[in-house]
Amino acid sequence: MAEEERIPDEEWRTIVGNVPLVSVDLVVRHEGSIALGKRENDPAKGEWFVPGGTVRKHEGLEDAVHRIAEEELGVAVEIERRLGVYEHFYDVADADVDDGKHYVPIGYLVTADSRATETDDQHADIRWEPIPVDAGDLHPYVRAYLVDAGVATDAA
């Protein structure tokens, strides 16, 4: 799929301010560890989070999984299984709206063909956590993915 143009800011504000966003979030596994990225943007800025992103119009969910793994981590992945459908509510957003951001992400457990070491513009750093992951200090949304993927115990 060719790189799409960015949605203009005013249109993005209208979208974020009025509808939930469908996204995919990835628990990326490679050789006994999982990838976490330190977020550079809202929501969840400064948190260690799983890679993920919004599904584009007319893009299949599995196509979105592969695109996001490539864009955010620079790796190819094999989909192991779908974890489920989640709901994320944030008080803040990357758009100038008063009532935050609402996502409806579909979680996936995937295996990467290599370890990502480079970051994209959404992440300050990438770290690989050994499995089983001590998820006690991670964001509750991340913790839910890791528990459902069977790579962490519910430490909260």
N, C-alpha and C. Protein backbone atom coordinates (compact mmCIF):
# COMPACT_ATOMS: atom_id res chain seq x y z
N MET A 1 0.85 -1.17 0.00
CA MET A 1 0.00 0.00 0.00
C MET A 1 0.89 1.24 0.00
N ALA A 2 0.61 2.18 -0.85
CA ALA A 2 1.41 3.40 -0.93
C ALA A 2 1.18 4.27 0.30
N GLU A 3 2.20 5.03 0.64
CA GLU A 3 2.10 5.95 1.78
C GLU A 3 1.00 6.97 1.48
N GLU A 4 0.07 7.12 2.43
CA GLU A 4 -1.01 8.07 2.25
C GLU A 4 -0.64 9.41 2.83
N GLU A 5 -1.25 10.45 2.30
CA GLU A 5 -1.00 11.79 2.81
C GLU A 5 -1.62 11.92 4.19
N ARG A 6 -1.01 12.74 5.01
CA ARG A 6 -1.49 13.01 6.35
C ARG A 6 -2.82 13.76 6.27
N ILE A 7 -3.74 13.45 7.17
CA ILE A 7 -5.02 14.15 7.23
C ILE A 7 -4.75 15.56 7.73
N PRO A 8 -5.28 16.58 7.07
CA PRO A 8 -5.07 17.96 7.53
C PRO A 8 -5.53 18.14 8.98
N ASP A 9 -4.84 19.00 9.73
CA ASP A 9 -5.10 19.18 11.16
C ASP A 9 -6.56 19.47 11.48
N GLU A 10 -7.20 20.34 10.74
CA GLU A 10 -8.60 20.69 11.02
C GLU A 10 -9.52 19.48 10.86
N GLU A 11 -9.29 18.69 9.83
CA GLU A 11 -10.09 17.48 9.64
C GLU A 11 -9.81 16.46 10.75
N TRP A 12 -8.53 16.33 11.13
CA TRP A 12 -8.16 15.39 12.20
C TRP A 12 -8.85 15.79 13.51
N ARG A 13 -8.90 17.09 13.83
CA ARG A 13 -9.60 17.57 15.03
C ARG A 13 -11.07 17.17 14.98
N THR A 14 -11.69 17.32 13.82
CA THR A 14 -13.10 16.96 13.68
C THR A 14 -13.30 15.47 13.90
N ILE A 15 -12.43 14.66 13.34
CA ILE A 15 -12.53 13.21 13.50
C ILE A 15 -12.35 12.82 14.97
N VAL A 16 -11.24 13.25 15.57
CA VAL A 16 -10.93 12.89 16.96
C VAL A 16 -11.99 13.42 17.91
N GLY A 17 -12.53 14.58 17.61
CA GLY A 17 -13.54 15.18 18.47
C GLY A 17 -14.91 14.56 18.39
N ASN A 18 -15.15 13.70 17.37
CA ASN A 18 -16.51 13.21 17.16
C ASN A 18 -16.69 11.70 17.06
N VAL A 19 -15.63 10.95 16.78
CA VAL A 19 -15.81 9.51 16.60
C VAL A 19 -14.66 8.73 17.24
N PRO A 20 -14.94 7.49 17.68
CA PRO A 20 -13.83 6.64 18.14
C PRO A 20 -12.99 6.21 16.94
N LEU A 21 -11.71 5.97 17.19
CA LEU A 21 -10.79 5.55 16.14
C LEU A 21 -10.55 4.06 16.22
N VAL A 22 -10.67 3.38 15.10
CA VAL A 22 -10.36 1.96 15.03
C VAL A 22 -8.86 1.83 14.81
N SER A 23 -8.22 1.01 15.63
CA SER A 23 -6.77 0.85 15.52
C SER A 23 -6.39 -0.60 15.76
N VAL A 24 -5.12 -0.91 15.50
CA VAL A 24 -4.56 -2.20 15.87
C VAL A 24 -3.36 -1.93 16.78
N ASP A 25 -3.25 -2.71 17.85
CA ASP A 25 -2.12 -2.64 18.76
C ASP A 25 -1.45 -4.01 18.76
N LEU A 26 -0.11 -4.01 18.78
CA LEU A 26 0.64 -5.23 18.54
C LEU A 26 1.51 -5.61 19.73
N VAL A 27 1.36 -6.82 20.21
CA VAL A 27 2.32 -7.41 21.13
C VAL A 27 3.31 -8.12 20.23
N VAL A 28 4.50 -7.52 20.08
CA VAL A 28 5.50 -8.01 19.14
C VAL A 28 6.52 -8.85 19.90
N ARG A 29 6.59 -10.12 19.53
CA ARG A 29 7.49 -11.06 20.20
C ARG A 29 8.65 -11.41 19.27
N HIS A 30 9.86 -11.54 19.87
CA HIS A 30 11.02 -12.01 19.12
C HIS A 30 11.99 -12.65 20.10
N GLU A 31 12.29 -13.91 19.88
CA GLU A 31 13.28 -14.66 20.66
C GLU A 31 13.18 -14.42 22.17
N GLY A 32 11.99 -14.68 22.71
CA GLY A 32 11.81 -14.64 24.16
C GLY A 32 11.64 -13.29 24.78
N SER A 33 11.33 -12.27 23.97
CA SER A 33 11.10 -10.95 24.52
C SER A 33 10.01 -10.24 23.71
N ILE A 34 9.50 -9.13 24.26
CA ILE A 34 8.50 -8.33 23.54
C ILE A 34 8.97 -6.89 23.45
N ALA A 35 8.50 -6.20 22.41
CA ALA A 35 8.91 -4.81 22.14
C ALA A 35 7.95 -3.82 22.80
N LEU A 36 8.53 -2.79 23.42
CA LEU A 36 7.78 -1.66 23.94
C LEU A 36 8.44 -0.39 23.43
N GLY A 37 7.62 0.60 23.08
CA GLY A 37 8.14 1.88 22.63
C GLY A 37 7.75 2.98 23.59
N LYS A 38 8.67 3.88 23.89
CA LYS A 38 8.37 5.02 24.77
C LYS A 38 7.73 6.11 23.93
N ARG A 39 6.46 6.39 24.20
CA ARG A 39 5.67 7.30 23.37
C ARG A 39 6.14 8.75 23.48
N GLU A 40 6.20 9.40 22.32
CA GLU A 40 6.59 10.80 22.21
C GLU A 40 5.40 11.73 22.09
N ASN A 41 4.22 11.18 21.83
CA ASN A 41 3.05 12.03 21.58
C ASN A 41 1.86 11.56 22.42
N ASP A 42 0.88 12.45 22.57
CA ASP A 42 -0.35 12.11 23.27
C ASP A 42 -1.23 11.29 22.36
N PRO A 43 -2.05 10.44 22.92
CA PRO A 43 -2.17 10.16 24.34
C PRO A 43 -1.08 9.19 24.82
N ALA A 44 -0.96 9.06 26.12
CA ALA A 44 0.03 8.17 26.76
C ALA A 44 1.46 8.61 26.52
N LYS A 45 1.67 9.91 26.34
CA LYS A 45 3.02 10.44 26.14
C LYS A 45 3.89 10.08 27.34
N GLY A 46 5.11 9.59 27.05
CA GLY A 46 6.04 9.21 28.10
C GLY A 46 5.86 7.80 28.64
N GLU A 47 4.83 7.10 28.22
CA GLU A 47 4.56 5.73 28.66
C GLU A 47 5.24 4.72 27.72
N TRP A 48 5.63 3.59 28.30
CA TRP A 48 6.09 2.46 27.48
C TRP A 48 4.85 1.74 27.01
N PHE A 49 4.68 1.65 25.69
CA PHE A 49 3.44 1.16 25.10
C PHE A 49 3.77 0.18 23.98
N VAL A 50 2.81 -0.67 23.64
CA VAL A 50 2.99 -1.55 22.49
C VAL A 50 2.83 -0.73 21.22
N PRO A 51 3.46 -1.15 20.12
CA PRO A 51 3.27 -0.45 18.85
C PRO A 51 1.82 -0.55 18.40
N GLY A 52 1.36 0.47 17.73
CA GLY A 52 -0.02 0.44 17.24
C GLY A 52 -0.33 1.66 16.42
N GLY A 53 -1.49 1.63 15.77
CA GLY A 53 -1.89 2.77 14.97
C GLY A 53 -3.27 2.60 14.38
N THR A 54 -3.75 3.69 13.83
CA THR A 54 -5.10 3.75 13.26
C THR A 54 -5.17 2.96 11.95
N VAL A 55 -6.27 2.27 11.79
CA VAL A 55 -6.55 1.55 10.54
C VAL A 55 -7.04 2.56 9.51
N ARG A 56 -6.50 2.49 8.32
CA ARG A 56 -6.90 3.40 7.25
C ARG A 56 -8.17 2.89 6.56
N LYS A 57 -8.90 3.80 5.96
CA LYS A 57 -10.10 3.44 5.22
C LYS A 57 -9.74 2.46 4.10
N HIS A 58 -10.51 1.39 3.99
CA HIS A 58 -10.34 0.32 3.00
C HIS A 58 -9.10 -0.53 3.23
N GLU A 59 -8.51 -0.45 4.41
CA GLU A 59 -7.35 -1.27 4.74
C GLU A 59 -7.82 -2.42 5.63
N GLY A 60 -7.49 -3.64 5.26
CA GLY A 60 -7.83 -4.78 6.10
C GLY A 60 -7.06 -4.75 7.40
N LEU A 61 -7.61 -5.35 8.45
CA LEU A 61 -6.95 -5.35 9.75
C LEU A 61 -5.56 -5.98 9.70
N GLU A 62 -5.44 -7.12 9.03
CA GLU A 62 -4.14 -7.78 8.95
C GLU A 62 -3.15 -6.96 8.13
N ASP A 63 -3.64 -6.27 7.11
CA ASP A 63 -2.76 -5.37 6.35
C ASP A 63 -2.26 -4.24 7.25
N ALA A 64 -3.14 -3.73 8.11
CA ALA A 64 -2.75 -2.67 9.04
C ALA A 64 -1.69 -3.18 10.02
N VAL A 65 -1.84 -4.41 10.49
CA VAL A 65 -0.84 -4.99 11.40
C VAL A 65 0.53 -4.99 10.74
N HIS A 66 0.62 -5.46 9.52
CA HIS A 66 1.90 -5.53 8.82
C HIS A 66 2.46 -4.13 8.53
N ARG A 67 1.61 -3.21 8.13
CA ARG A 67 2.06 -1.84 7.84
C ARG A 67 2.61 -1.18 9.11
N ILE A 68 1.90 -1.30 10.20
CA ILE A 68 2.32 -0.64 11.44
C ILE A 68 3.61 -1.25 11.98
N ALA A 69 3.76 -2.57 11.90
CA ALA A 69 5.02 -3.19 12.33
C ALA A 69 6.19 -2.66 11.51
N GLU A 70 5.98 -2.49 10.23
CA GLU A 70 7.04 -1.97 9.36
C GLU A 70 7.31 -0.50 9.64
N GLU A 71 6.24 0.31 9.75
CA GLU A 71 6.42 1.75 9.97
C GLU A 71 7.01 2.08 11.34
N GLU A 72 6.54 1.41 12.39
CA GLU A 72 6.95 1.78 13.73
C GLU A 72 8.20 1.06 14.21
N LEU A 73 8.44 -0.16 13.70
CA LEU A 73 9.58 -0.94 14.17
C LEU A 73 10.56 -1.31 13.06
N GLY A 74 10.13 -1.20 11.81
CA GLY A 74 10.99 -1.57 10.70
C GLY A 74 11.18 -3.07 10.56
N VAL A 75 10.18 -3.85 11.00
CA VAL A 75 10.28 -5.31 10.94
C VAL A 75 9.06 -5.91 10.26
N ALA A 76 9.27 -7.08 9.69
CA ALA A 76 8.16 -7.88 9.18
C ALA A 76 7.68 -8.78 10.32
N VAL A 77 6.39 -9.06 10.34
CA VAL A 77 5.83 -9.89 11.40
C VAL A 77 4.93 -10.97 10.83
N GLU A 78 4.80 -12.02 11.63
CA GLU A 78 3.83 -13.09 11.35
C GLU A 78 2.77 -12.99 12.43
N ILE A 79 1.52 -12.96 12.03
CA ILE A 79 0.42 -12.87 12.99
C ILE A 79 0.20 -14.23 13.63
N GLU A 80 0.28 -14.27 14.96
CA GLU A 80 0.03 -15.51 15.71
C GLU A 80 -1.46 -15.65 16.00
N ARG A 81 -2.05 -14.57 16.57
CA ARG A 81 -3.48 -14.61 16.86
C ARG A 81 -3.99 -13.23 17.21
N ARG A 82 -5.30 -13.08 17.07
CA ARG A 82 -5.98 -11.86 17.49
C ARG A 82 -6.28 -11.99 18.97
N LEU A 83 -5.95 -10.97 19.74
CA LEU A 83 -6.17 -11.00 21.18
C LEU A 83 -7.58 -10.60 21.56
N GLY A 84 -8.18 -9.72 20.80
CA GLY A 84 -9.53 -9.27 21.11
C GLY A 84 -9.71 -7.81 20.77
N VAL A 85 -10.91 -7.33 21.11
CA VAL A 85 -11.26 -5.94 20.88
C VAL A 85 -11.26 -5.26 22.24
N TYR A 86 -10.67 -4.08 22.29
CA TYR A 86 -10.51 -3.34 23.54
C TYR A 86 -11.15 -1.96 23.38
N GLU A 87 -11.21 -1.21 24.47
CA GLU A 87 -11.68 0.16 24.43
C GLU A 87 -10.74 1.01 25.27
N HIS A 88 -10.22 2.08 24.68
CA HIS A 88 -9.29 2.96 25.37
C HIS A 88 -9.85 4.38 25.38
N PHE A 89 -9.92 4.96 26.57
CA PHE A 89 -10.38 6.33 26.74
C PHE A 89 -9.24 7.16 27.33
N TYR A 90 -8.94 8.27 26.71
CA TYR A 90 -7.87 9.16 27.17
C TYR A 90 -8.45 10.55 27.40
N ASP A 91 -7.92 11.23 28.41
CA ASP A 91 -8.33 12.61 28.69
C ASP A 91 -7.67 13.61 27.75
N VAL A 92 -6.58 13.22 27.11
CA VAL A 92 -5.85 14.10 26.20
C VAL A 92 -5.77 13.45 24.82
N ALA A 93 -5.41 14.27 23.84
CA ALA A 93 -5.30 13.77 22.46
C ALA A 93 -4.18 14.52 21.76
N ASP A 94 -3.81 14.01 20.59
CA ASP A 94 -2.81 14.68 19.76
C ASP A 94 -3.45 15.78 18.92
N ALA A 95 -4.74 15.96 19.06
CA ALA A 95 -5.47 17.02 18.36
C ALA A 95 -6.06 17.96 19.40
N ASP A 96 -6.31 19.18 19.02
CA ASP A 96 -6.84 20.19 19.94
C ASP A 96 -8.34 19.99 20.11
N VAL A 97 -8.70 19.03 20.99
CA VAL A 97 -10.10 18.76 21.33
C VAL A 97 -10.24 18.79 22.84
N ASP A 98 -11.44 19.09 23.31
CA ASP A 98 -11.67 19.27 24.74
C ASP A 98 -11.83 17.96 25.52
N ASP A 99 -12.29 16.92 24.88
CA ASP A 99 -12.67 15.74 25.64
C ASP A 99 -11.83 14.50 25.34
N GLY A 100 -10.58 14.67 24.94
CA GLY A 100 -9.67 13.54 24.78
C GLY A 100 -9.91 12.70 23.55
N LYS A 101 -9.42 11.48 23.63
CA LYS A 101 -9.43 10.57 22.48
C LYS A 101 -10.02 9.24 22.89
N HIS A 102 -10.74 8.62 21.97
CA HIS A 102 -11.39 7.33 22.19
C HIS A 102 -10.96 6.39 21.07
N TYR A 103 -10.32 5.29 21.48
CA TYR A 103 -9.90 4.26 20.53
C TYR A 103 -10.69 2.99 20.74
N VAL A 104 -10.89 2.26 19.66
CA VAL A 104 -11.39 0.88 19.71
C VAL A 104 -10.30 0.05 19.02
N PRO A 105 -9.29 -0.36 19.81
CA PRO A 105 -8.19 -1.13 19.21
C PRO A 105 -8.48 -2.63 19.20
N ILE A 106 -7.93 -3.27 18.19
CA ILE A 106 -7.94 -4.73 18.09
C ILE A 106 -6.51 -5.15 18.36
N GLY A 107 -6.32 -5.96 19.41
CA GLY A 107 -4.99 -6.40 19.78
C GLY A 107 -4.57 -7.64 19.02
N TYR A 108 -3.28 -7.73 18.69
CA TYR A 108 -2.72 -8.89 17.99
C TYR A 108 -1.42 -9.30 18.65
N LEU A 109 -1.21 -10.61 18.73
CA LEU A 109 0.08 -11.17 19.11
C LEU A 109 0.78 -11.53 17.81
N VAL A 110 1.99 -10.99 17.61
CA VAL A 110 2.74 -11.22 16.38
C VAL A 110 4.17 -11.61 16.73
N THR A 111 4.83 -12.28 15.79
CA THR A 111 6.24 -12.61 15.93
C THR A 111 7.01 -11.86 14.87
N ALA A 112 8.06 -11.14 15.30
CA ALA A 112 8.88 -10.36 14.38
C ALA A 112 10.00 -11.21 13.81
N ASP A 113 10.42 -10.87 12.60
CA ASP A 113 11.52 -11.60 11.96
C ASP A 113 12.89 -11.15 12.48
N SER A 114 12.92 -10.01 13.18
CA SER A 114 14.16 -9.50 13.76
C SER A 114 13.80 -8.51 14.86
N ARG A 115 14.82 -8.04 15.58
CA ARG A 115 14.61 -7.05 16.63
C ARG A 115 14.70 -5.66 16.07
N ALA A 116 13.69 -4.86 16.33
CA ALA A 116 13.74 -3.45 15.94
C ALA A 116 14.71 -2.73 16.86
N THR A 117 15.50 -1.86 16.27
CA THR A 117 16.43 -1.06 17.07
C THR A 117 16.28 0.42 16.79
N GLU A 118 15.64 0.78 15.69
CA GLU A 118 15.47 2.19 15.31
C GLU A 118 14.08 2.64 15.74
N THR A 119 13.97 3.92 16.07
CA THR A 119 12.68 4.47 16.46
C THR A 119 12.08 5.29 15.33
N ASP A 120 10.76 5.43 15.37
CA ASP A 120 10.07 6.31 14.44
C ASP A 120 9.80 7.64 15.16
N ASP A 121 9.03 8.53 14.53
CA ASP A 121 8.78 9.84 15.14
C ASP A 121 7.80 9.79 16.31
N GLN A 122 7.19 8.63 16.55
CA GLN A 122 6.26 8.49 17.67
C GLN A 122 6.92 7.95 18.93
N HIS A 123 8.15 7.47 18.83
CA HIS A 123 8.81 6.81 19.95
C HIS A 123 10.20 7.38 20.21
N ALA A 124 10.49 7.65 21.50
CA ALA A 124 11.82 8.13 21.88
C ALA A 124 12.81 6.98 21.97
N ASP A 125 12.30 5.78 22.24
CA ASP A 125 13.17 4.63 22.45
C ASP A 125 12.35 3.36 22.27
N ILE A 126 13.04 2.27 22.00
CA ILE A 126 12.43 0.93 21.95
C ILE A 126 13.20 0.06 22.92
N ARG A 127 12.49 -0.72 23.70
CA ARG A 127 13.17 -1.69 24.56
C ARG A 127 12.51 -3.05 24.38
N TRP A 128 13.30 -4.08 24.61
CA TRP A 128 12.83 -5.45 24.51
C TRP A 128 12.82 -6.04 25.91
N GLU A 129 11.63 -6.41 26.37
CA GLU A 129 11.45 -6.95 27.71
C GLU A 129 11.41 -8.47 27.64
N PRO A 130 12.20 -9.15 28.50
CA PRO A 130 12.16 -10.61 28.50
C PRO A 130 10.81 -11.14 29.00
N ILE A 131 10.40 -12.24 28.40
CA ILE A 131 9.15 -12.92 28.79
C ILE A 131 9.50 -13.93 29.89
N PRO A 132 8.74 -14.00 30.98
CA PRO A 132 7.52 -13.25 31.26
C PRO A 132 7.83 -11.82 31.68
N VAL A 133 7.01 -10.91 31.21
CA VAL A 133 7.19 -9.49 31.47
C VAL A 133 6.62 -9.14 32.83
N ASP A 134 7.36 -8.36 33.59
CA ASP A 134 6.84 -7.79 34.82
C ASP A 134 6.06 -6.54 34.41
N ALA A 135 4.75 -6.68 34.30
CA ALA A 135 3.91 -5.62 33.75
C ALA A 135 3.33 -4.70 34.81
N GLY A 136 3.73 -4.87 36.06
CA GLY A 136 3.15 -4.12 37.16
C GLY A 136 3.24 -2.62 37.02
N ASP A 137 4.33 -2.09 36.43
CA ASP A 137 4.50 -0.64 36.31
C ASP A 137 4.07 -0.09 34.95
N LEU A 138 3.57 -0.95 34.09
CA LEU A 138 3.17 -0.51 32.76
C LEU A 138 1.75 0.05 32.78
N HIS A 139 1.43 0.84 31.75
CA HIS A 139 0.09 1.39 31.59
C HIS A 139 -0.94 0.26 31.64
N PRO A 140 -2.09 0.47 32.28
CA PRO A 140 -3.09 -0.61 32.38
C PRO A 140 -3.52 -1.18 31.03
N TYR A 141 -3.58 -0.35 29.98
CA TYR A 141 -3.96 -0.86 28.67
C TYR A 141 -2.90 -1.82 28.13
N VAL A 142 -1.63 -1.51 28.35
CA VAL A 142 -0.54 -2.38 27.92
C VAL A 142 -0.56 -3.67 28.72
N ARG A 143 -0.76 -3.54 30.01
CA ARG A 143 -0.81 -4.71 30.89
C ARG A 143 -1.89 -5.68 30.42
N ALA A 144 -3.06 -5.18 30.03
CA ALA A 144 -4.15 -6.04 29.55
C ALA A 144 -3.72 -6.82 28.31
N TYR A 145 -3.05 -6.15 27.36
CA TYR A 145 -2.57 -6.85 26.17
C TYR A 145 -1.60 -7.97 26.53
N LEU A 146 -0.65 -7.66 27.40
CA LEU A 146 0.40 -8.63 27.73
C LEU A 146 -0.17 -9.83 28.48
N VAL A 147 -1.12 -9.59 29.37
CA VAL A 147 -1.77 -10.70 30.07
C VAL A 147 -2.56 -11.55 29.08
N ASP A 148 -3.35 -10.91 28.22
CA ASP A 148 -4.14 -11.66 27.23
C ASP A 148 -3.26 -12.43 26.25
N ALA A 149 -2.07 -11.90 25.96
CA ALA A 149 -1.14 -12.59 25.06
C ALA A 149 -0.40 -13.72 25.75
N GLY A 150 -0.51 -13.80 27.08
CA GLY A 150 0.17 -14.86 27.83
C GLY A 150 1.64 -14.62 28.04
N VAL A 151 2.08 -13.33 27.95
CA VAL A 151 3.51 -13.03 28.12
C VAL A 151 3.79 -12.32 29.45
N ALA A 152 2.73 -12.10 30.25
CA ALA A 152 2.87 -11.47 31.56
C ALA A 152 1.77 -11.99 32.47
N THR A 153 2.02 -11.88 33.74
CA THR A 153 0.96 -12.18 34.70
C THR A 153 0.36 -10.87 35.15
N ASP A 154 -0.86 -10.91 35.60
CA ASP A 154 -1.55 -9.69 36.03
C ASP A 154 -1.01 -9.27 37.38
N ALA A 155 -0.07 -8.33 37.35
CA ALA A 155 0.59 -7.90 38.57
C ALA A 155 -0.13 -6.74 39.25
N ALA A 156 -1.17 -6.23 38.64
CA ALA A 156 -1.86 -5.07 39.21
C ALA A 156 -2.96 -5.46 40.16
